Structures are given as structure tokens and as C-alpha cells.
N, C-alpha and C. Protein backbone atom coordinates (compact mmCIF):
# COMPACT_ATOMS: atom_id res chain seq x y z
N MET A 1 30.03 59.20 38.34
CA MET A 1 30.73 60.42 37.83
C MET A 1 31.82 60.09 36.91
N THR A 2 32.02 61.01 35.89
CA THR A 2 33.05 60.36 34.97
C THR A 2 34.27 61.39 35.04
N ALA A 3 35.29 60.94 34.56
CA ALA A 3 36.76 61.49 34.30
C ALA A 3 36.43 62.45 33.45
N ALA A 4 37.05 63.70 33.64
CA ALA A 4 37.11 64.51 32.48
C ALA A 4 37.94 64.34 31.19
N ASN A 5 38.87 63.41 31.48
CA ASN A 5 39.72 62.87 30.35
C ASN A 5 38.94 62.07 29.42
N ASP A 6 37.77 61.57 29.92
CA ASP A 6 37.20 60.57 29.10
C ASP A 6 36.68 61.44 27.73
N SER A 7 37.04 60.60 26.60
CA SER A 7 36.91 61.05 25.22
C SER A 7 35.36 61.72 24.77
N THR A 8 34.49 61.33 25.65
CA THR A 8 33.02 61.69 25.31
C THR A 8 32.67 62.66 26.21
N VAL A 9 33.46 63.46 26.84
CA VAL A 9 33.10 64.48 27.92
C VAL A 9 34.12 65.76 27.26
N PRO A 10 33.32 66.95 26.69
CA PRO A 10 33.96 67.99 26.48
C PRO A 10 34.65 68.43 27.67
N GLY A 11 35.90 69.08 27.48
CA GLY A 11 36.68 69.54 28.26
C GLY A 11 37.04 71.04 28.64
N ARG A 12 36.67 71.77 28.04
CA ARG A 12 37.07 73.17 28.12
C ARG A 12 35.91 73.84 28.86
N ILE A 13 36.27 74.56 29.83
CA ILE A 13 35.37 75.00 31.08
C ILE A 13 35.81 76.60 31.09
N MET A 14 34.91 77.49 30.90
CA MET A 14 35.34 79.07 31.34
C MET A 14 34.81 79.31 32.54
N ILE A 15 35.48 80.00 33.44
CA ILE A 15 35.13 80.50 34.82
C ILE A 15 35.12 81.91 34.75
N VAL A 16 33.78 82.69 35.05
CA VAL A 16 33.71 84.02 34.87
C VAL A 16 33.45 84.40 36.49
N GLN A 17 34.48 85.05 36.91
CA GLN A 17 34.49 85.19 38.46
C GLN A 17 35.17 86.33 38.95
N ASP A 18 34.87 87.62 39.29
CA ASP A 18 35.63 88.72 39.79
C ASP A 18 36.45 88.45 40.89
N ASP A 19 36.08 87.52 41.89
CA ASP A 19 36.94 87.18 43.11
C ASP A 19 37.84 86.35 42.59
N PHE A 20 39.25 86.97 42.62
CA PHE A 20 40.56 86.71 42.15
C PHE A 20 40.93 85.32 42.82
N LEU A 21 40.66 85.21 44.21
CA LEU A 21 41.10 84.03 44.96
C LEU A 21 40.00 82.71 44.69
N LEU A 22 38.68 82.93 44.51
CA LEU A 22 37.98 82.20 44.33
C LEU A 22 37.95 81.50 42.79
N ARG A 23 38.18 82.34 42.11
CA ARG A 23 38.41 81.91 40.77
C ARG A 23 39.65 80.88 40.66
N MET A 24 40.84 81.29 41.26
CA MET A 24 42.26 80.78 40.97
C MET A 24 41.91 79.28 41.87
N GLU A 25 41.37 78.94 43.04
CA GLU A 25 40.95 77.98 43.57
C GLU A 25 40.16 77.25 42.52
N THR A 26 38.84 77.72 42.23
CA THR A 26 38.09 76.79 41.35
C THR A 26 38.91 76.28 40.06
N SER A 27 39.66 77.18 39.39
CA SER A 27 40.35 76.76 38.30
C SER A 27 41.36 75.66 38.50
N ALA A 28 42.14 75.71 39.47
CA ALA A 28 42.81 74.68 40.19
C ALA A 28 42.27 73.39 40.47
N ASP A 29 40.91 73.46 41.12
CA ASP A 29 40.06 72.15 41.24
C ASP A 29 39.95 71.68 39.81
N LEU A 30 39.33 72.50 38.97
CA LEU A 30 39.08 72.02 37.63
C LEU A 30 39.99 71.42 36.70
N ARG A 31 41.21 71.93 36.89
CA ARG A 31 42.44 71.48 36.20
C ARG A 31 42.87 70.25 36.83
N GLY A 32 42.72 70.11 37.97
CA GLY A 32 43.15 68.79 38.91
C GLY A 32 42.32 67.68 38.46
N TRP A 33 40.93 67.88 37.97
CA TRP A 33 39.97 67.05 37.68
C TRP A 33 40.12 66.71 35.98
N GLY A 34 40.99 67.42 35.39
CA GLY A 34 41.41 67.06 33.83
C GLY A 34 40.74 68.15 32.97
N TYR A 35 40.14 69.03 33.34
CA TYR A 35 39.50 69.98 32.48
C TYR A 35 40.46 71.16 32.10
N ASP A 36 40.43 71.62 30.84
CA ASP A 36 40.97 72.61 30.40
C ASP A 36 40.11 73.90 30.73
N VAL A 37 40.79 74.99 31.41
CA VAL A 37 40.25 75.99 31.98
C VAL A 37 40.63 77.34 31.25
N VAL A 38 39.40 78.18 31.09
CA VAL A 38 39.63 79.60 30.44
C VAL A 38 39.27 80.33 31.59
N GLU A 39 39.94 81.51 31.77
CA GLU A 39 39.29 82.43 33.10
C GLU A 39 39.07 83.69 32.44
N ALA A 40 37.90 84.29 32.86
CA ALA A 40 37.41 85.77 32.76
C ALA A 40 37.08 86.56 34.12
N PHE A 41 37.72 87.61 34.16
CA PHE A 41 37.28 88.49 35.31
C PHE A 41 35.91 89.40 35.06
N ASN A 42 35.49 89.64 34.10
CA ASN A 42 34.28 90.19 33.89
C ASN A 42 33.25 89.89 32.68
N GLU A 43 32.32 90.54 32.45
CA GLU A 43 31.45 90.20 31.22
C GLU A 43 32.26 90.33 29.76
N ALA A 44 32.69 91.41 29.90
CA ALA A 44 33.48 91.80 28.53
C ALA A 44 34.50 90.81 28.24
N GLU A 45 35.36 90.15 29.05
CA GLU A 45 36.43 89.43 28.75
C GLU A 45 35.75 88.00 28.44
N ALA A 46 34.58 87.63 29.11
CA ALA A 46 33.98 86.15 28.79
C ALA A 46 33.31 86.32 27.31
N ARG A 47 32.60 87.51 27.06
CA ARG A 47 32.17 87.47 25.74
C ARG A 47 33.12 87.46 24.49
N ARG A 48 34.41 88.16 24.76
CA ARG A 48 35.64 88.10 23.73
C ARG A 48 35.86 86.83 23.75
N ALA A 49 36.17 85.86 24.93
CA ALA A 49 36.84 84.79 24.91
C ALA A 49 35.76 83.61 24.05
N LEU A 50 34.41 83.98 24.43
CA LEU A 50 33.53 83.06 23.93
C LEU A 50 33.50 83.19 22.27
N ASP A 51 33.57 84.20 21.97
CA ASP A 51 33.52 84.70 20.41
C ASP A 51 34.84 84.18 19.84
N ALA A 52 36.00 84.26 20.37
CA ALA A 52 37.15 83.79 20.05
C ALA A 52 37.56 82.04 19.86
N ASP A 53 36.54 81.47 21.13
CA ASP A 53 37.10 80.05 21.27
C ASP A 53 35.54 79.46 21.26
N ARG A 54 35.12 78.56 20.32
CA ARG A 54 34.17 77.93 20.08
C ARG A 54 34.08 76.71 20.92
N ARG A 55 35.35 76.25 21.37
CA ARG A 55 35.48 74.99 22.05
C ARG A 55 35.10 74.94 23.51
N ILE A 56 34.61 75.97 24.04
CA ILE A 56 34.30 76.27 25.55
C ILE A 56 32.71 75.55 25.66
N ALA A 57 32.70 74.32 26.47
CA ALA A 57 31.66 73.65 26.47
C ALA A 57 30.79 74.13 27.52
N LEU A 58 31.23 74.72 28.67
CA LEU A 58 30.66 75.09 29.77
C LEU A 58 31.13 76.42 30.51
N VAL A 59 30.32 77.20 30.83
CA VAL A 59 30.51 78.69 31.45
C VAL A 59 30.10 78.50 32.89
N LEU A 60 31.10 78.43 33.97
CA LEU A 60 30.75 78.62 35.46
C LEU A 60 30.64 80.11 35.61
N LEU A 61 29.66 80.75 36.01
CA LEU A 61 29.50 82.04 36.06
C LEU A 61 28.80 82.63 37.41
N ASP A 62 29.59 83.56 37.98
CA ASP A 62 29.12 84.15 39.14
C ASP A 62 27.96 85.10 38.72
N VAL A 63 26.77 84.76 39.41
CA VAL A 63 25.56 85.72 39.14
C VAL A 63 25.84 87.11 39.25
N ASN A 64 26.67 87.69 40.41
CA ASN A 64 27.08 89.13 40.66
C ASN A 64 28.22 89.39 40.00
N VAL A 65 28.86 88.78 39.08
CA VAL A 65 29.96 89.37 38.33
C VAL A 65 30.00 90.69 37.93
N GLY A 66 30.65 91.60 38.39
CA GLY A 66 30.51 93.00 38.05
C GLY A 66 29.40 93.74 38.54
N GLY A 67 28.64 92.99 39.76
CA GLY A 67 27.80 93.49 40.36
C GLY A 67 26.30 93.44 39.86
N SER A 68 25.33 93.85 40.56
CA SER A 68 23.71 93.93 40.05
C SER A 68 23.47 92.66 39.24
N LYS A 69 23.74 91.61 39.56
CA LYS A 69 23.52 90.32 38.91
C LYS A 69 23.55 90.12 37.25
N ARG A 70 24.90 91.23 36.94
CA ARG A 70 25.12 90.95 35.54
C ARG A 70 25.43 89.57 34.97
N GLY A 71 25.70 88.88 35.83
CA GLY A 71 25.82 87.36 35.43
C GLY A 71 24.65 86.73 34.72
N ILE A 72 23.46 87.10 35.15
CA ILE A 72 22.33 86.72 34.50
C ILE A 72 22.28 87.10 33.20
N GLU A 73 22.39 88.40 32.85
CA GLU A 73 22.57 89.15 31.50
C GLU A 73 23.55 88.29 30.63
N LEU A 74 24.60 88.01 31.30
CA LEU A 74 25.76 87.50 30.41
C LEU A 74 25.18 85.90 30.01
N ALA A 75 24.48 85.20 30.97
CA ALA A 75 24.06 83.95 30.69
C ALA A 75 22.75 83.98 29.37
N ARG A 76 21.84 84.99 29.58
CA ARG A 76 21.08 85.05 28.73
C ARG A 76 21.81 85.39 27.16
N TRP A 77 22.67 86.03 27.27
CA TRP A 77 23.76 86.45 26.03
C TRP A 77 24.33 85.21 25.47
N ILE A 78 24.84 84.34 26.43
CA ILE A 78 25.51 83.19 26.13
C ILE A 78 24.50 82.26 25.34
N LYS A 79 23.19 81.86 25.82
CA LYS A 79 22.15 81.26 25.46
C LYS A 79 21.90 81.66 24.14
N ALA A 80 21.71 83.06 23.73
CA ALA A 80 21.44 83.46 22.51
C ALA A 80 22.37 83.43 21.47
N HIS A 81 23.71 83.74 21.81
CA HIS A 81 24.75 83.78 20.93
C HIS A 81 25.43 82.35 20.94
N HIS A 82 25.34 81.74 21.75
CA HIS A 82 26.20 80.24 21.67
C HIS A 82 25.35 79.39 22.34
N PRO A 83 24.48 78.97 21.79
CA PRO A 83 23.48 77.83 22.30
C PRO A 83 24.04 76.72 22.77
N GLU A 84 25.23 76.02 22.01
CA GLU A 84 25.73 74.86 22.47
C GLU A 84 26.50 75.09 23.76
N THR A 85 26.66 76.09 24.24
CA THR A 85 27.50 76.03 25.47
C THR A 85 26.73 76.12 26.48
N LYS A 86 26.87 75.33 27.63
CA LYS A 86 25.97 75.18 28.95
C LYS A 86 26.62 76.14 29.70
N VAL A 87 25.71 76.47 30.41
CA VAL A 87 25.81 77.69 31.71
C VAL A 87 25.63 76.94 33.19
N LEU A 88 26.44 77.16 34.12
CA LEU A 88 26.20 76.92 35.38
C LEU A 88 26.33 78.21 36.22
N LEU A 89 25.17 78.70 36.80
CA LEU A 89 25.35 80.20 37.54
C LEU A 89 25.85 79.55 39.17
N THR A 90 26.36 80.49 39.57
CA THR A 90 26.65 80.42 40.96
C THR A 90 26.22 81.64 42.03
N ALA A 91 25.69 81.23 43.10
CA ALA A 91 25.10 82.60 43.74
C ALA A 91 24.97 82.30 45.24
N ALA A 92 25.08 83.09 45.90
CA ALA A 92 24.90 82.83 47.39
C ALA A 92 23.39 82.72 47.59
N ILE A 93 22.51 83.67 46.88
CA ILE A 93 21.21 83.54 46.91
C ILE A 93 20.61 83.21 45.53
N ALA A 94 20.14 82.22 45.39
CA ALA A 94 19.34 81.78 44.20
C ALA A 94 18.43 82.73 43.50
N PRO A 95 19.01 83.32 42.36
CA PRO A 95 17.84 84.27 41.70
C PRO A 95 16.98 83.34 40.79
N GLU A 96 16.21 84.36 40.43
CA GLU A 96 15.01 83.86 39.29
C GLU A 96 16.04 83.82 37.89
N ALA A 97 16.21 82.49 37.39
CA ALA A 97 17.30 82.48 36.30
C ALA A 97 16.62 81.57 35.31
N GLU A 98 15.49 81.68 34.77
CA GLU A 98 14.58 81.08 33.98
C GLU A 98 15.06 79.41 33.80
N SER A 99 15.66 78.80 32.98
CA SER A 99 15.88 77.45 32.96
C SER A 99 17.39 77.21 33.19
N ILE A 100 18.12 78.36 33.62
CA ILE A 100 19.59 78.14 33.91
C ILE A 100 19.90 77.56 35.31
N PRO A 101 20.72 76.39 35.36
CA PRO A 101 21.02 76.03 36.69
C PRO A 101 21.71 76.75 37.80
N VAL A 102 21.49 76.85 38.85
CA VAL A 102 22.26 77.62 39.65
C VAL A 102 22.88 76.58 40.95
N LEU A 103 23.95 77.01 41.26
CA LEU A 103 24.83 76.09 42.49
C LEU A 103 24.77 77.29 43.42
N GLY A 104 24.30 76.83 44.67
CA GLY A 104 24.48 77.79 45.90
C GLY A 104 25.84 77.82 46.31
N LYS A 105 26.40 78.99 46.62
CA LYS A 105 27.43 79.38 47.51
C LYS A 105 27.26 79.28 48.96
N PRO A 106 28.13 79.03 49.86
CA PRO A 106 29.46 78.30 49.29
C PRO A 106 29.41 76.82 48.69
N TYR A 107 29.76 76.44 47.90
CA TYR A 107 29.84 74.84 47.59
C TYR A 107 30.78 74.10 47.87
N ARG A 108 30.81 72.86 47.88
CA ARG A 108 32.04 71.90 47.87
C ARG A 108 32.54 71.62 46.64
N PRO A 109 33.79 71.35 46.49
CA PRO A 109 34.08 70.92 45.00
C PRO A 109 33.82 69.79 44.36
N LEU A 110 33.41 68.66 45.31
CA LEU A 110 32.69 67.67 44.67
C LEU A 110 31.52 67.97 44.20
N ASN A 111 30.82 68.64 45.00
CA ASN A 111 29.44 69.13 44.40
C ASN A 111 29.44 69.98 42.86
N LEU A 112 30.43 70.76 42.98
CA LEU A 112 30.66 71.48 41.87
C LEU A 112 30.85 70.32 40.51
N LEU A 113 31.72 69.63 40.79
CA LEU A 113 32.09 68.57 39.93
C LEU A 113 30.90 67.58 39.33
N GLN A 114 29.86 67.43 40.36
CA GLN A 114 28.67 66.71 39.91
C GLN A 114 28.02 67.35 39.14
N HIS A 115 27.70 68.55 39.41
CA HIS A 115 26.89 69.71 38.51
C HIS A 115 27.39 69.77 37.28
N ILE A 116 28.74 69.90 37.20
CA ILE A 116 29.52 70.20 35.65
C ILE A 116 29.17 68.79 34.95
N ASP A 117 29.35 67.64 35.64
CA ASP A 117 29.35 66.34 34.74
C ASP A 117 27.93 66.37 34.57
N ALA A 118 27.08 66.53 35.14
CA ALA A 118 25.63 66.22 34.72
C ALA A 118 25.40 67.23 33.65
N LEU A 119 25.62 68.50 33.60
CA LEU A 119 25.40 69.30 32.64
C LEU A 119 26.04 69.19 31.46
N LEU A 120 27.27 68.62 31.32
CA LEU A 120 28.24 68.07 30.22
C LEU A 120 27.51 67.09 29.66
N ARG A 121 26.91 66.10 30.38
CA ARG A 121 26.40 64.97 29.81
C ARG A 121 24.86 64.89 29.23
N ALA A 122 24.23 65.97 29.87
CA ALA A 122 22.80 66.36 29.30
C ALA A 122 22.93 66.60 27.96
């Protein structure tokens, strides 16, 4: 596993999560590992932030953000409009998400770090 401060690793991650406490806890973990974190509460906030900030390297996205698996729709939009940005979905029940990786909930912080590291290095 690499350190997020390593100059070869892009360091800006967006968390799209409507559960305030989970978003704050995950943000704190990522910042503790040296990542720059951008937070979004819903799909609209995420789209605006992605369009405004091309430095976001990875989006950690709750499948059910906003309900009804809207996170998958947002993931497809990201792939179409920001193909350079990696996406990692999180879900209690893994959905059919084409080629988008899914991390099962609940997850351990180090497991999250391993998934992020693998995606950013890919």
C-alpha cells in the first residue's frame, strides 16, 4: 500500500454520501491518510463539483445516494463526462454496476484504503 502523499498518487477524492455521519467519518479517515477530500450530499452537488474541479481523481459514491440507486446513474454520468475520474461504489447489497467496482458495506477503513489505492494506481 502506498502513502497518499506519494507524488505519483493523485490525491483528491470526492465522497458522495447523504448519510452525514458516515460522510464525516469517511472524510476524516481519508484526510488522515493524506488525501484532499471534497464532499457532496447529493447527485446535484456532485455534478457541480466535478464540473468545477477537474483535479478530482476518484469519486467514492453511495449507490443509494438520494434513493432508488441514483448513485449508479451518477456513476454512469461520471464515466461519460469525466472519463479520467475513477469511481468506487459503496453498497450494502452489491448492484449490477457494469464495470464499476463496488465495495460492500459495512467496510473497514483499511479495506477502503486498499480499494482506493488499487483504483488510483490502475
